[in-house]
Amino acid sequence: MEPAEDEFTRRRAALRVIAAQKPSGLSDPRGLLSKPRWFPILLDSDRHVTKAYGVYHALSIDAYRIARPSAFVIGKERRISFIFVSSNQWERVPLADLLAALERA
């Protein structure tokens, strides 16, 4: 999403990233958090947010206690107008789909 900053700004949209990670452990997020970004990153170490949004994934061949890659667009009325939830850990929302959803929100 980093290259799309101008597109988000033009649409007056705010990006928030939530990572189902602990501050330390097997998947150390310090690299993720060390670089300045134009959007905030929340570490959901207790998995409350990812469970509330229904993207928590307890166990499979490609996942253990993490969230499926997903994207939600929440409109001005605070209603979810777009949902993308990956079926695996490698798939991401196509940027074009996300930007189109922002236009409709």
C-alpha atoms as a PDB file:
ATOM      1  CA  MET A   1       0.000   0.000   0.000  1.00  0.00           C
ATOM      2  CA  GLU A   2       2.955   2.322   0.419  1.00  0.00           C
ATOM      3  CA  PRO A   3       3.102   3.356  -3.272  1.00  0.00           C
ATOM      4  CA  ALA A   4      -0.616   4.276  -3.155  1.00  0.00           C
ATOM      5  CA  GLU A   5      -0.305   7.151  -0.667  1.00  0.00           C
ATOM      6  CA  ASP A   6      -1.299   9.763  -3.266  1.00  0.00           C
ATOM      7  CA  GLU A   7      -4.333   7.700  -4.290  1.00  0.00           C
ATOM      8  CA  PHE A   8      -5.516   7.444  -0.677  1.00  0.00           C
ATOM      9  CA  THR A   9      -4.922  11.169  -0.120  1.00  0.00           C
ATOM     10  CA  ARG A  10      -6.837  12.089  -3.268  1.00  0.00           C
ATOM     11  CA  ARG A  11      -9.800  10.047  -2.038  1.00  0.00           C
ATOM     12  CA  ARG A  12      -9.510  11.475   1.499  1.00  0.00           C
ATOM     13  CA  ALA A  13      -9.144   7.941   2.815  1.00  0.00           C
ATOM     14  CA  ALA A  14      -7.169   6.857   5.856  1.00  0.00           C
ATOM     15  CA  LEU A  15      -5.271   3.584   5.859  1.00  0.00           C
ATOM     16  CA  ARG A  16      -4.790   1.581   9.058  1.00  0.00           C
ATOM     17  CA  VAL A  17      -2.768  -1.628   9.187  1.00  0.00           C
ATOM     18  CA  ILE A  18      -3.377  -4.245  11.858  1.00  0.00           C
ATOM     19  CA  ALA A  19      -0.819  -7.015  12.291  1.00  0.00           C
ATOM     20  CA  ALA A  20      -1.724 -10.063  14.381  1.00  0.00           C
ATOM     21  CA  GLN A  21       1.717 -10.200  15.947  1.00  0.00           C
ATOM     22  CA  LYS A  22       3.319  -9.915  19.336  1.00  0.00           C
ATOM     23  CA  PRO A  23       6.038  -7.327  19.945  1.00  0.00           C
ATOM     24  CA  SER A  24       8.538 -10.183  20.071  1.00  0.00           C
ATOM     25  CA  GLY A  25       8.597 -13.842  19.197  1.00  0.00           C
ATOM     26  CA  LEU A  26       8.982 -15.995  16.110  1.00  0.00           C
ATOM     27  CA  SER A  27       7.796 -13.300  13.726  1.00  0.00           C
ATOM     28  CA  ASP A  28       9.579 -10.231  15.080  1.00  0.00           C
ATOM     29  CA  PRO A  29       7.740  -7.093  13.864  1.00  0.00           C
ATOM     30  CA  ARG A  30      10.582  -4.650  14.595  1.00  0.00           C
ATOM     31  CA  GLY A  31      11.470  -4.519  10.904  1.00  0.00           C
ATOM     32  CA  LEU A  32       7.849  -3.705  10.095  1.00  0.00           C
ATOM     33  CA  LEU A  33       7.749  -0.939  12.685  1.00  0.00           C
ATOM     34  CA  SER A  34      11.233   0.539  12.235  1.00  0.00           C
ATOM     35  CA  LYS A  35      10.557   2.280   8.908  1.00  0.00           C
ATOM     36  CA  PRO A  36       8.536   5.542   8.961  1.00  0.00           C
ATOM     37  CA  ARG A  37       5.239   5.121   7.129  1.00  0.00           C
ATOM     38  CA  TRP A  38       2.345   7.392   6.198  1.00  0.00           C
ATOM     39  CA  PHE A  39      -0.102   5.066   7.967  1.00  0.00           C
ATOM     40  CA  PRO A  40      -0.153   3.666  11.510  1.00  0.00           C
ATOM     41  CA  ILE A  41       0.402  -0.008  12.282  1.00  0.00           C
ATOM     42  CA  LEU A  42      -1.316  -1.648  15.248  1.00  0.00           C
ATOM     43  CA  LEU A  43       0.103  -4.842  16.709  1.00  0.00           C
ATOM     44  CA  ASP A  44      -2.896  -6.959  17.671  1.00  0.00           C
ATOM     45  CA  SER A  45      -0.910  -9.172  20.029  1.00  0.00           C
ATOM     46  CA  ASP A  46      -3.966 -10.553  21.848  1.00  0.00           C
ATOM     47  CA  ARG A  47      -5.871 -11.031  18.556  1.00  0.00           C
ATOM     48  CA  HIS A  48      -8.958  -9.121  19.773  1.00  0.00           C
ATOM     49  CA  VAL A  49      -9.294  -7.022  16.611  1.00  0.00           C
ATOM     50  CA  THR A  50      -8.651  -9.833  14.152  1.00  0.00           C
ATOM     51  CA  LYS A  51     -11.167 -12.047  15.968  1.00  0.00           C
ATOM     52  CA  ALA A  52     -13.763  -9.241  16.022  1.00  0.00           C
ATOM     53  CA  TYR A  53     -13.436  -8.811  12.253  1.00  0.00           C
ATOM     54  CA  GLY A  54     -13.588 -12.566  11.662  1.00  0.00           C
ATOM     55  CA  VAL A  55     -10.166 -12.899  10.039  1.00  0.00           C
ATOM     56  CA  TYR A  56      -8.346 -14.717  12.839  1.00  0.00           C
ATOM     57  CA  HIS A  57      -6.980 -18.042  11.687  1.00  0.00           C
ATOM     58  CA  ALA A  58      -6.007 -20.477  14.426  1.00  0.00           C
ATOM     59  CA  LEU A  59      -4.352 -23.279  12.476  1.00  0.00           C
ATOM     60  CA  SER A  60      -3.804 -24.563   8.951  1.00  0.00           C
ATOM     61  CA  ILE A  61      -0.959 -25.646   6.745  1.00  0.00           C
ATOM     62  CA  ASP A  62       0.019 -22.003   6.156  1.00  0.00           C
ATOM     63  CA  ALA A  63      -1.092 -20.321   9.378  1.00  0.00           C
ATOM     64  CA  TYR A  64      -0.825 -20.503  13.137  1.00  0.00           C
ATOM     65  CA  ARG A  65      -2.613 -17.951  15.323  1.00  0.00           C
ATOM     66  CA  ILE A  66      -2.502 -15.118  12.800  1.00  0.00           C
ATOM     67  CA  ALA A  67      -4.942 -13.204  10.643  1.00  0.00           C
ATOM     68  CA  ARG A  68      -5.759 -13.909   7.052  1.00  0.00           C
ATOM     69  CA  PRO A  69      -4.643 -11.033   4.822  1.00  0.00           C
ATOM     70  CA  SER A  70      -7.719  -8.872   4.520  1.00  0.00           C
ATOM     71  CA  ALA A  71      -8.975  -5.399   3.724  1.00  0.00           C
ATOM     72  CA  PHE A  72     -12.068  -3.532   4.852  1.00  0.00           C
ATOM     73  CA  VAL A  73     -13.402  -0.206   3.612  1.00  0.00           C
ATOM     74  CA  ILE A  74     -15.425   1.633   6.213  1.00  0.00           C
ATOM     75  CA  GLY A  75     -17.447   4.509   4.783  1.00  0.00           C
ATOM     76  CA  LYS A  76     -18.391   7.867   6.220  1.00  0.00           C
ATOM     77  CA  GLU A  77     -21.440   6.363   7.926  1.00  0.00           C
ATOM     78  CA  ARG A  78     -19.086   3.912   9.696  1.00  0.00           C
ATOM     79  CA  ARG A  79     -20.453   0.944   7.770  1.00  0.00           C
ATOM     80  CA  ILE A  80     -18.301  -1.654   6.105  1.00  0.00           C
ATOM     81  CA  SER A  81     -18.777  -1.234   2.360  1.00  0.00           C
ATOM     82  CA  PHE A  82     -16.063  -3.589   1.090  1.00  0.00           C
ATOM     83  CA  ILE A  83     -14.538  -6.787   2.457  1.00  0.00           C
ATOM     84  CA  PHE A  84     -11.641  -8.813   1.111  1.00  0.00           C
ATOM     85  CA  VAL A  85     -10.417 -11.863   3.020  1.00  0.00           C
ATOM     86  CA  SER A  86      -7.709 -14.025   1.505  1.00  0.00           C
ATOM     87  CA  SER A  87      -8.028 -17.783   1.336  1.00  0.00           C
ATOM     88  CA  ASN A  88      -4.296 -18.124   2.072  1.00  0.00           C
ATOM     89  CA  GLN A  89      -1.364 -16.173   3.545  1.00  0.00           C
ATOM     90  CA  TRP A  90       0.078 -15.024   0.219  1.00  0.00           C
ATOM     91  CA  GLU A  91      -2.896 -13.441  -1.519  1.00  0.00           C
ATOM     92  CA  ARG A  92      -3.447  -9.692  -1.064  1.00  0.00           C
ATOM     93  CA  VAL A  93      -6.257  -7.402  -2.101  1.00  0.00           C
ATOM     94  CA  PRO A  94      -5.615  -6.047  -5.591  1.00  0.00           C
ATOM     95  CA  LEU A  95      -4.920  -2.331  -5.243  1.00  0.00           C
ATOM     96  CA  ALA A  96      -7.286  -1.533  -8.110  1.00  0.00           C
ATOM     97  CA  ASP A  97     -10.133  -3.293  -6.287  1.00  0.00           C
ATOM     98  CA  LEU A  98      -9.394  -1.426  -3.071  1.00  0.00           C
ATOM     99  CA  LEU A  99      -9.213   1.969  -4.801  1.00  0.00           C
ATOM    100  CA  ALA A 100     -12.486   1.267  -6.650  1.00  0.00           C
ATOM    101  CA  ALA A 101     -14.122   0.403  -3.310  1.00  0.00           C
ATOM    102  CA  LEU A 102     -12.887   3.689  -1.873  1.00  0.00           C
ATOM    103  CA  GLU A 103     -14.505   5.540  -4.769  1.00  0.00           C
ATOM    104  CA  ARG A 104     -17.839   3.872  -3.963  1.00  0.00           C
ATOM    105  CA  ALA A 105     -17.640   4.337  -0.177  1.00  0.00           C
END
